[in-house]
mmCIF file of all heavy atoms, coordinates in Angstrom:
data_MODEL
# 
_entry.id   MODEL 
# 
loop_
_atom_site.group_PDB 
_atom_site.id 
_atom_site.type_symbol 
_atom_site.label_atom_id 
_atom_site.label_alt_id 
_atom_site.label_comp_id 
_atom_site.label_asym_id 
_atom_site.label_entity_id 
_atom_site.label_seq_id 
_atom_site.pdbx_PDB_ins_code 
_atom_site.Cartn_x 
_atom_site.Cartn_y 
_atom_site.Cartn_z 
_atom_site.occupancy 
_atom_site.B_iso_or_equiv 
_atom_site.pdbx_formal_charge 
_atom_site.auth_seq_id 
_atom_site.auth_comp_id 
_atom_site.auth_asym_id 
_atom_site.auth_atom_id 
_atom_site.pdbx_PDB_model_num 
ATOM 1   N N   . VAL A 1 1  ? 5.820  -23.286 -16.604 1.00 0.00 ? 1  VAL A N   1 
ATOM 2   C CA  . VAL A 1 1  ? 4.754  -22.332 -16.299 1.00 0.00 ? 1  VAL A CA  1 
ATOM 3   C C   . VAL A 1 1  ? 5.248  -21.263 -15.330 1.00 0.00 ? 1  VAL A C   1 
ATOM 4   O O   . VAL A 1 1  ? 4.933  -20.071 -15.472 1.00 0.00 ? 1  VAL A O   1 
ATOM 5   C CB  . VAL A 1 1  ? 3.530  -23.074 -15.729 1.00 0.00 ? 1  VAL A CB  1 
ATOM 6   C CG1 . VAL A 1 1  ? 2.457  -22.088 -15.290 1.00 0.00 ? 1  VAL A CG1 1 
ATOM 7   C CG2 . VAL A 1 1  ? 2.970  -24.055 -16.751 1.00 0.00 ? 1  VAL A CG2 1 
ATOM 8   N N   . PHE A 1 2  ? 6.041  -21.668 -14.352 1.00 0.00 ? 2  PHE A N   1 
ATOM 9   C CA  . PHE A 1 2  ? 6.574  -20.722 -13.363 1.00 0.00 ? 2  PHE A CA  1 
ATOM 10  C C   . PHE A 1 2  ? 7.440  -19.659 -14.036 1.00 0.00 ? 2  PHE A C   1 
ATOM 11  O O   . PHE A 1 2  ? 7.293  -18.456 -13.770 1.00 0.00 ? 2  PHE A O   1 
ATOM 12  C CB  . PHE A 1 2  ? 7.376  -21.493 -12.317 1.00 0.00 ? 2  PHE A CB  1 
ATOM 13  C CG  . PHE A 1 2  ? 8.158  -20.619 -11.388 1.00 0.00 ? 2  PHE A CG  1 
ATOM 14  C CD1 . PHE A 1 2  ? 7.531  -19.928 -10.364 1.00 0.00 ? 2  PHE A CD1 1 
ATOM 15  C CD2 . PHE A 1 2  ? 9.535  -20.483 -11.539 1.00 0.00 ? 2  PHE A CD2 1 
ATOM 16  C CE1 . PHE A 1 2  ? 8.258  -19.112 -9.503  1.00 0.00 ? 2  PHE A CE1 1 
ATOM 17  C CE2 . PHE A 1 2  ? 10.263 -19.672 -10.683 1.00 0.00 ? 2  PHE A CE2 1 
ATOM 18  C CZ  . PHE A 1 2  ? 9.624  -18.989 -9.660  1.00 0.00 ? 2  PHE A CZ  1 
ATOM 19  N N   . VAL A 1 3  ? 8.341  -20.085 -14.912 1.00 0.00 ? 3  VAL A N   1 
ATOM 20  C CA  . VAL A 1 3  ? 9.208  -19.122 -15.599 1.00 0.00 ? 3  VAL A CA  1 
ATOM 21  C C   . VAL A 1 3  ? 8.393  -18.212 -16.511 1.00 0.00 ? 3  VAL A C   1 
ATOM 22  O O   . VAL A 1 3  ? 8.619  -16.995 -16.566 1.00 0.00 ? 3  VAL A O   1 
ATOM 23  C CB  . VAL A 1 3  ? 10.298 -19.870 -16.397 1.00 0.00 ? 3  VAL A CB  1 
ATOM 24  C CG1 . VAL A 1 3  ? 11.087 -18.895 -17.266 1.00 0.00 ? 3  VAL A CG1 1 
ATOM 25  C CG2 . VAL A 1 3  ? 11.236 -20.598 -15.456 1.00 0.00 ? 3  VAL A CG2 1 
ATOM 26  N N   . ALA A 1 4  ? 7.405  -18.775 -17.210 1.00 0.00 ? 4  ALA A N   1 
ATOM 27  C CA  . ALA A 1 4  ? 6.600  -17.975 -18.130 1.00 0.00 ? 4  ALA A CA  1 
ATOM 28  C C   . ALA A 1 4  ? 5.798  -16.911 -17.396 1.00 0.00 ? 4  ALA A C   1 
ATOM 29  O O   . ALA A 1 4  ? 5.699  -15.762 -17.850 1.00 0.00 ? 4  ALA A O   1 
ATOM 30  C CB  . ALA A 1 4  ? 5.667  -18.880 -18.933 1.00 0.00 ? 4  ALA A CB  1 
ATOM 31  N N   . VAL A 1 5  ? 5.230  -17.257 -16.242 1.00 0.00 ? 5  VAL A N   1 
ATOM 32  C CA  . VAL A 1 5  ? 4.362  -16.322 -15.520 1.00 0.00 ? 5  VAL A CA  1 
ATOM 33  C C   . VAL A 1 5  ? 5.167  -15.322 -14.708 1.00 0.00 ? 5  VAL A C   1 
ATOM 34  O O   . VAL A 1 5  ? 4.850  -14.126 -14.667 1.00 0.00 ? 5  VAL A O   1 
ATOM 35  C CB  . VAL A 1 5  ? 3.389  -17.099 -14.612 1.00 0.00 ? 5  VAL A CB  1 
ATOM 36  C CG1 . VAL A 1 5  ? 2.598  -16.144 -13.725 1.00 0.00 ? 5  VAL A CG1 1 
ATOM 37  C CG2 . VAL A 1 5  ? 2.446  -17.950 -15.448 1.00 0.00 ? 5  VAL A CG2 1 
ATOM 38  N N   . CYS A 1 6  ? 6.231  -15.783 -14.068 1.00 0.00 ? 6  CYS A N   1 
ATOM 39  C CA  . CYS A 1 6  ? 6.953  -14.937 -13.103 1.00 0.00 ? 6  CYS A CA  1 
ATOM 40  C C   . CYS A 1 6  ? 8.143  -14.186 -13.690 1.00 0.00 ? 6  CYS A C   1 
ATOM 41  O O   . CYS A 1 6  ? 8.557  -13.176 -13.117 1.00 0.00 ? 6  CYS A O   1 
ATOM 42  C CB  . CYS A 1 6  ? 7.420  -15.793 -11.926 1.00 0.00 ? 6  CYS A CB  1 
ATOM 43  S SG  . CYS A 1 6  ? 6.068  -16.549 -10.990 1.00 0.00 ? 6  CYS A SG  1 
ATOM 44  N N   . PHE A 1 7  ? 8.711  -14.652 -14.804 1.00 0.00 ? 7  PHE A N   1 
ATOM 45  C CA  . PHE A 1 7  ? 9.904  -14.007 -15.341 1.00 0.00 ? 7  PHE A CA  1 
ATOM 46  C C   . PHE A 1 7  ? 9.720  -13.481 -16.758 1.00 0.00 ? 7  PHE A C   1 
ATOM 47  O O   . PHE A 1 7  ? 10.504 -12.637 -17.199 1.00 0.00 ? 7  PHE A O   1 
ATOM 48  C CB  . PHE A 1 7  ? 11.092 -14.977 -15.309 1.00 0.00 ? 7  PHE A CB  1 
ATOM 49  C CG  . PHE A 1 7  ? 11.563 -15.308 -13.927 1.00 0.00 ? 7  PHE A CG  1 
ATOM 50  C CD1 . PHE A 1 7  ? 11.202 -16.500 -13.324 1.00 0.00 ? 7  PHE A CD1 1 
ATOM 51  C CD2 . PHE A 1 7  ? 12.351 -14.420 -13.216 1.00 0.00 ? 7  PHE A CD2 1 
ATOM 52  C CE1 . PHE A 1 7  ? 11.631 -16.807 -12.040 1.00 0.00 ? 7  PHE A CE1 1 
ATOM 53  C CE2 . PHE A 1 7  ? 12.782 -14.708 -11.939 1.00 0.00 ? 7  PHE A CE2 1 
ATOM 54  C CZ  . PHE A 1 7  ? 12.419 -15.907 -11.340 1.00 0.00 ? 7  PHE A CZ  1 
ATOM 55  N N   . LEU A 1 8  ? 8.724  -13.982 -17.465 1.00 0.00 ? 8  LEU A N   1 
ATOM 56  C CA  . LEU A 1 8  ? 8.481  -13.450 -18.803 1.00 0.00 ? 8  LEU A CA  1 
ATOM 57  C C   . LEU A 1 8  ? 7.689  -12.157 -18.739 1.00 0.00 ? 8  LEU A C   1 
ATOM 58  O O   . LEU A 1 8  ? 7.598  -11.422 -19.730 1.00 0.00 ? 8  LEU A O   1 
ATOM 59  C CB  . LEU A 1 8  ? 7.719  -14.478 -19.637 1.00 0.00 ? 8  LEU A CB  1 
ATOM 60  C CG  . LEU A 1 8  ? 7.959  -14.457 -21.150 1.00 0.00 ? 8  LEU A CG  1 
ATOM 61  C CD1 . LEU A 1 8  ? 9.403  -14.760 -21.468 1.00 0.00 ? 8  LEU A CD1 1 
ATOM 62  C CD2 . LEU A 1 8  ? 7.034  -15.447 -21.850 1.00 0.00 ? 8  LEU A CD2 1 
ATOM 63  N N   . THR A 1 9  ? 7.111  -11.860 -17.593 1.00 0.00 ? 9  THR A N   1 
ATOM 64  C CA  . THR A 1 9  ? 6.303  -10.660 -17.416 1.00 0.00 ? 9  THR A CA  1 
ATOM 65  C C   . THR A 1 9  ? 7.052  -9.630  -16.577 1.00 0.00 ? 9  THR A C   1 
ATOM 66  O O   . THR A 1 9  ? 8.112  -9.919  -16.011 1.00 0.00 ? 9  THR A O   1 
ATOM 67  C CB  . THR A 1 9  ? 4.979  -11.014 -16.726 1.00 0.00 ? 9  THR A CB  1 
ATOM 68  O OG1 . THR A 1 9  ? 5.261  -11.629 -15.450 1.00 0.00 ? 9  THR A OG1 1 
ATOM 69  C CG2 . THR A 1 9  ? 4.186  -11.992 -17.569 1.00 0.00 ? 9  THR A CG2 1 
ATOM 70  N N   . THR A 1 10 ? 6.479  -8.429  -16.496 1.00 0.00 ? 10 THR A N   1 
ATOM 71  C CA  . THR A 1 10 ? 7.027  -7.362  -15.672 1.00 0.00 ? 10 THR A CA  1 
ATOM 72  C C   . THR A 1 10 ? 5.982  -6.938  -14.651 1.00 0.00 ? 10 THR A C   1 
ATOM 73  O O   . THR A 1 10 ? 4.784  -7.143  -14.864 1.00 0.00 ? 10 THR A O   1 
ATOM 74  C CB  . THR A 1 10 ? 7.421  -6.155  -16.535 1.00 0.00 ? 10 THR A CB  1 
ATOM 75  O OG1 . THR A 1 10 ? 6.311  -5.779  -17.346 1.00 0.00 ? 10 THR A OG1 1 
ATOM 76  C CG2 . THR A 1 10 ? 8.603  -6.489  -17.423 1.00 0.00 ? 10 THR A CG2 1 
ATOM 77  N N   . PRO A 1 11 ? 6.407  -6.346  -13.536 1.00 0.00 ? 11 PRO A N   1 
ATOM 78  C CA  . PRO A 1 11 ? 5.441  -5.953  -12.507 1.00 0.00 ? 11 PRO A CA  1 
ATOM 79  C C   . PRO A 1 11 ? 4.385  -5.008  -13.057 1.00 0.00 ? 11 PRO A C   1 
ATOM 80  O O   . PRO A 1 11 ? 4.659  -4.166  -13.913 1.00 0.00 ? 11 PRO A O   1 
ATOM 81  C CB  . PRO A 1 11 ? 6.310  -5.274  -11.440 1.00 0.00 ? 11 PRO A CB  1 
ATOM 82  C CG  . PRO A 1 11 ? 7.674  -5.843  -11.640 1.00 0.00 ? 11 PRO A CG  1 
ATOM 83  C CD  . PRO A 1 11 ? 7.790  -6.093  -13.115 1.00 0.00 ? 11 PRO A CD  1 
ATOM 84  N N   . SER A 1 12 ? 3.176  -5.128  -12.541 1.00 0.00 ? 12 SER A N   1 
ATOM 85  C CA  . SER A 1 12 ? 2.062  -4.325  -13.041 1.00 0.00 ? 12 SER A CA  1 
ATOM 86  C C   . SER A 1 12 ? 1.908  -3.010  -12.314 1.00 0.00 ? 12 SER A C   1 
ATOM 87  O O   . SER A 1 12 ? 0.929  -2.307  -12.518 1.00 0.00 ? 12 SER A O   1 
ATOM 88  C CB  . SER A 1 12 ? 0.747  -5.109  -12.908 1.00 0.00 ? 12 SER A CB  1 
ATOM 89  O OG  . SER A 1 12 ? 0.516  -5.463  -11.548 1.00 0.00 ? 12 SER A OG  1 
ATOM 90  N N   . GLY A 1 13 ? 2.832  -2.652  -11.425 1.00 0.00 ? 13 GLY A N   1 
ATOM 91  C CA  . GLY A 1 13 ? 2.761  -1.373  -10.729 1.00 0.00 ? 13 GLY A CA  1 
ATOM 92  C C   . GLY A 1 13 ? 2.868  -0.225  -11.691 1.00 0.00 ? 13 GLY A C   1 
ATOM 93  O O   . GLY A 1 13 ? 3.492  -0.312  -12.752 1.00 0.00 ? 13 GLY A O   1 
ATOM 94  N N   . GLU A 1 14 ? 2.245  0.897   -11.336 1.00 0.00 ? 14 GLU A N   1 
ATOM 95  C CA  . GLU A 1 14 ? 2.269  2.072   -12.196 1.00 0.00 ? 14 GLU A CA  1 
ATOM 96  C C   . GLU A 1 14 ? 3.651  2.690   -12.194 1.00 0.00 ? 14 GLU A C   1 
ATOM 97  O O   . GLU A 1 14 ? 4.349  2.710   -11.192 1.00 0.00 ? 14 GLU A O   1 
ATOM 98  C CB  . GLU A 1 14 ? 1.253  3.107   -11.715 1.00 0.00 ? 14 GLU A CB  1 
ATOM 99  C CG  . GLU A 1 14 ? -0.187 2.612   -11.795 1.00 0.00 ? 14 GLU A CG  1 
ATOM 100 C CD  . GLU A 1 14 ? -1.156 3.686   -11.374 1.00 0.00 ? 14 GLU A CD  1 
ATOM 101 O OE1 . GLU A 1 14 ? -0.683 4.764   -10.979 1.00 0.00 ? 14 GLU A OE1 1 
ATOM 102 O OE2 . GLU A 1 14 ? -2.368 3.448   -11.441 1.00 0.00 ? 14 GLU A OE2 1 
ATOM 103 N N   . ALA A 1 15 ? 4.022  3.191   -13.333 1.00 0.00 ? 15 ALA A N   1 
ATOM 104 C CA  . ALA A 1 15 ? 5.317  3.837   -13.467 1.00 0.00 ? 15 ALA A CA  1 
ATOM 105 C C   . ALA A 1 15 ? 5.304  5.170   -12.752 1.00 0.00 ? 15 ALA A C   1 
ATOM 106 O O   . ALA A 1 15 ? 4.273  5.837   -12.645 1.00 0.00 ? 15 ALA A O   1 
ATOM 107 C CB  . ALA A 1 15 ? 5.661  4.048   -14.951 1.00 0.00 ? 15 ALA A CB  1 
ATOM 108 N N   . PRO A 1 16 ? 6.450  5.635   -12.228 1.00 0.00 ? 16 PRO A N   1 
ATOM 109 C CA  . PRO A 1 16 ? 6.511  6.940   -11.578 1.00 0.00 ? 16 PRO A CA  1 
ATOM 110 C C   . PRO A 1 16 ? 6.134  8.053   -12.531 1.00 0.00 ? 16 PRO A C   1 
ATOM 111 O O   . PRO A 1 16 ? 6.278  7.942   -13.739 1.00 0.00 ? 16 PRO A O   1 
ATOM 112 C CB  . PRO A 1 16 ? 7.997  7.033   -11.152 1.00 0.00 ? 16 PRO A CB  1 
ATOM 113 C CG  . PRO A 1 16 ? 8.497  5.628   -11.137 1.00 0.00 ? 16 PRO A CG  1 
ATOM 114 C CD  . PRO A 1 16 ? 7.713  4.898   -12.168 1.00 0.00 ? 16 PRO A CD  1 
ATOM 115 N N   . GLU A 1 17 ? 5.617  9.123   -11.961 1.00 0.00 ? 17 GLU A N   1 
ATOM 116 C CA  . GLU A 1 17 ? 5.211  10.253  -12.784 1.00 0.00 ? 17 GLU A CA  1 
ATOM 117 C C   . GLU A 1 17 ? 6.412  10.856  -13.490 1.00 0.00 ? 17 GLU A C   1 
ATOM 118 O O   . GLU A 1 17 ? 7.494  10.972  -12.927 1.00 0.00 ? 17 GLU A O   1 
ATOM 119 C CB  . GLU A 1 17 ? 4.542  11.319  -11.916 1.00 0.00 ? 17 GLU A CB  1 
ATOM 120 C CG  . GLU A 1 17 ? 3.240  10.849  -11.277 1.00 0.00 ? 17 GLU A CG  1 
ATOM 121 C CD  . GLU A 1 17 ? 2.587  11.968  -10.495 1.00 0.00 ? 17 GLU A CD  1 
ATOM 122 O OE1 . GLU A 1 17 ? 3.166  13.081  -10.477 1.00 0.00 ? 17 GLU A OE1 1 
ATOM 123 O OE2 . GLU A 1 17 ? 1.527  11.735  -9.903  1.00 0.00 ? 17 GLU A OE2 1 
ATOM 124 N N   . GLY A 1 18 ? 6.151  11.267  -14.723 1.00 0.00 ? 18 GLY A N   1 
ATOM 125 C CA  . GLY A 1 18 ? 7.214  11.902  -15.495 1.00 0.00 ? 18 GLY A CA  1 
ATOM 126 C C   . GLY A 1 18 ? 8.097  10.930  -16.237 1.00 0.00 ? 18 GLY A C   1 
ATOM 127 O O   . GLY A 1 18 ? 9.059  11.330  -16.866 1.00 0.00 ? 18 GLY A O   1 
ATOM 128 N N   . THR A 1 19 ? 7.824  9.612   -16.139 1.00 0.00 ? 19 THR A N   1 
ATOM 129 C CA  . THR A 1 19 ? 8.637  8.635   -16.845 1.00 0.00 ? 19 THR A CA  1 
ATOM 130 C C   . THR A 1 19 ? 7.799  7.985   -17.915 1.00 0.00 ? 19 THR A C   1 
ATOM 131 O O   . THR A 1 19 ? 6.586  7.906   -17.819 1.00 0.00 ? 19 THR A O   1 
ATOM 132 C CB  . THR A 1 19 ? 9.164  7.563   -15.881 1.00 0.00 ? 19 THR A CB  1 
ATOM 133 O OG1 . THR A 1 19 ? 8.032  6.884   -15.294 1.00 0.00 ? 19 THR A OG1 1 
ATOM 134 C CG2 . THR A 1 19 ? 10.000 8.193   -14.788 1.00 0.00 ? 19 THR A CG2 1 
ATOM 135 N N   . GLU A 1 20 ? 8.462  7.493   -18.928 1.00 0.00 ? 20 GLU A N   1 
ATOM 136 C CA  . GLU A 1 20 ? 7.801  6.816   -20.022 1.00 0.00 ? 20 GLU A CA  1 
ATOM 137 C C   . GLU A 1 20 ? 8.368  5.423   -20.130 1.00 0.00 ? 20 GLU A C   1 
ATOM 138 O O   . GLU A 1 20 ? 9.541  5.193   -19.820 1.00 0.00 ? 20 GLU A O   1 
ATOM 139 C CB  . GLU A 1 20 ? 8.030  7.572   -21.339 1.00 0.00 ? 20 GLU A CB  1 
ATOM 140 C CG  . GLU A 1 20 ? 7.432  8.976   -21.325 1.00 0.00 ? 20 GLU A CG  1 
ATOM 141 C CD  . GLU A 1 20 ? 7.671  9.662   -22.647 1.00 0.00 ? 20 GLU A CD  1 
ATOM 142 O OE1 . GLU A 1 20 ? 8.367  9.068   -23.496 1.00 0.00 ? 20 GLU A OE1 1 
ATOM 143 O OE2 . GLU A 1 20 ? 7.176  10.789  -22.821 1.00 0.00 ? 20 GLU A OE2 1 
ATOM 144 N N   . PRO A 1 21 ? 7.560  4.453   -20.579 1.00 0.00 ? 21 PRO A N   1 
ATOM 145 C CA  . PRO A 1 21 ? 8.087  3.108   -20.748 1.00 0.00 ? 21 PRO A CA  1 
ATOM 146 C C   . PRO A 1 21 ? 9.162  3.079   -21.810 1.00 0.00 ? 21 PRO A C   1 
ATOM 147 O O   . PRO A 1 21 ? 9.143  3.869   -22.757 1.00 0.00 ? 21 PRO A O   1 
ATOM 148 C CB  . PRO A 1 21 ? 6.857  2.289   -21.162 1.00 0.00 ? 21 PRO A CB  1 
ATOM 149 C CG  . PRO A 1 21 ? 5.876  3.300   -21.638 1.00 0.00 ? 21 PRO A CG  1 
ATOM 150 C CD  . PRO A 1 21 ? 6.154  4.565   -20.898 1.00 0.00 ? 21 PRO A CD  1 
ATOM 151 N N   . THR A 1 22 ? 10.114 2.184   -21.681 1.00 0.00 ? 22 THR A N   1 
ATOM 152 C CA  . THR A 1 22 ? 11.236 2.101   -22.600 1.00 0.00 ? 22 THR A CA  1 
ATOM 153 C C   . THR A 1 22 ? 10.994 1.148   -23.730 1.00 0.00 ? 22 THR A C   1 
ATOM 154 O O   . THR A 1 22 ? 11.876 0.925   -24.528 1.00 0.00 ? 22 THR A O   1 
ATOM 155 C CB  . THR A 1 22 ? 12.490 1.654   -21.843 1.00 0.00 ? 22 THR A CB  1 
ATOM 156 O OG1 . THR A 1 22 ? 12.200 0.373   -21.230 1.00 0.00 ? 22 THR A OG1 1 
ATOM 157 C CG2 . THR A 1 22 ? 12.858 2.639   -20.769 1.00 0.00 ? 22 THR A CG2 1 
ATOM 158 N N   . VAL A 1 23 ? 9.827  0.577   -23.823 1.00 0.00 ? 23 VAL A N   1 
ATOM 159 C CA  . VAL A 1 23 ? 9.523  -0.314  -24.926 1.00 0.00 ? 23 VAL A CA  1 
ATOM 160 C C   . VAL A 1 23 ? 8.417  0.295   -25.755 1.00 0.00 ? 23 VAL A C   1 
ATOM 161 O O   . VAL A 1 23 ? 7.736  1.235   -25.342 1.00 0.00 ? 23 VAL A O   1 
ATOM 162 C CB  . VAL A 1 23 ? 9.101  -1.709  -24.416 1.00 0.00 ? 23 VAL A CB  1 
ATOM 163 C CG1 . VAL A 1 23 ? 10.254 -2.399  -23.751 1.00 0.00 ? 23 VAL A CG1 1 
ATOM 164 C CG2 . VAL A 1 23 ? 7.945  -1.583  -23.456 1.00 0.00 ? 23 VAL A CG2 1 
ATOM 165 N N   . ALA A 1 24 ? 8.225  -0.264  -26.941 1.00 0.00 ? 24 ALA A N   1 
ATOM 166 C CA  . ALA A 1 24 ? 7.293  0.341   -27.875 1.00 0.00 ? 24 ALA A CA  1 
ATOM 167 C C   . ALA A 1 24 ? 5.857  0.228   -27.425 1.00 0.00 ? 24 ALA A C   1 
ATOM 168 O O   . ALA A 1 24 ? 5.044  1.100   -27.686 1.00 0.00 ? 24 ALA A O   1 
ATOM 169 C CB  . ALA A 1 24 ? 7.452  -0.303  -29.260 1.00 0.00 ? 24 ALA A CB  1 
ATOM 170 N N   . GLU A 1 25 ? 5.505  -0.786  -26.688 1.00 0.00 ? 25 GLU A N   1 
ATOM 171 C CA  . GLU A 1 25 ? 4.114  -1.005  -26.328 1.00 0.00 ? 25 GLU A CA  1 
ATOM 172 C C   . GLU A 1 25 ? 4.069  -1.751  -25.025 1.00 0.00 ? 25 GLU A C   1 
ATOM 173 O O   . GLU A 1 25 ? 4.956  -2.529  -24.704 1.00 0.00 ? 25 GLU A O   1 
ATOM 174 C CB  . GLU A 1 25 ? 3.436  -1.824  -27.437 1.00 0.00 ? 25 GLU A CB  1 
ATOM 175 C CG  . GLU A 1 25 ? 1.968  -2.112  -27.166 1.00 0.00 ? 25 GLU A CG  1 
ATOM 176 C CD  . GLU A 1 25 ? 1.380  -2.964  -28.270 1.00 0.00 ? 25 GLU A CD  1 
ATOM 177 O OE1 . GLU A 1 25 ? 2.126  -3.258  -29.221 1.00 0.00 ? 25 GLU A OE1 1 
ATOM 178 O OE2 . GLU A 1 25 ? 0.215  -3.344  -28.160 1.00 0.00 ? 25 GLU A OE2 1 
# 
């Protein structure tokens, strides 16, 4: 559960302005 919650996810902070996510969704 620890690995799934803490390492399978990414931080929920907003991305800096002018940048786009590098994944499709």
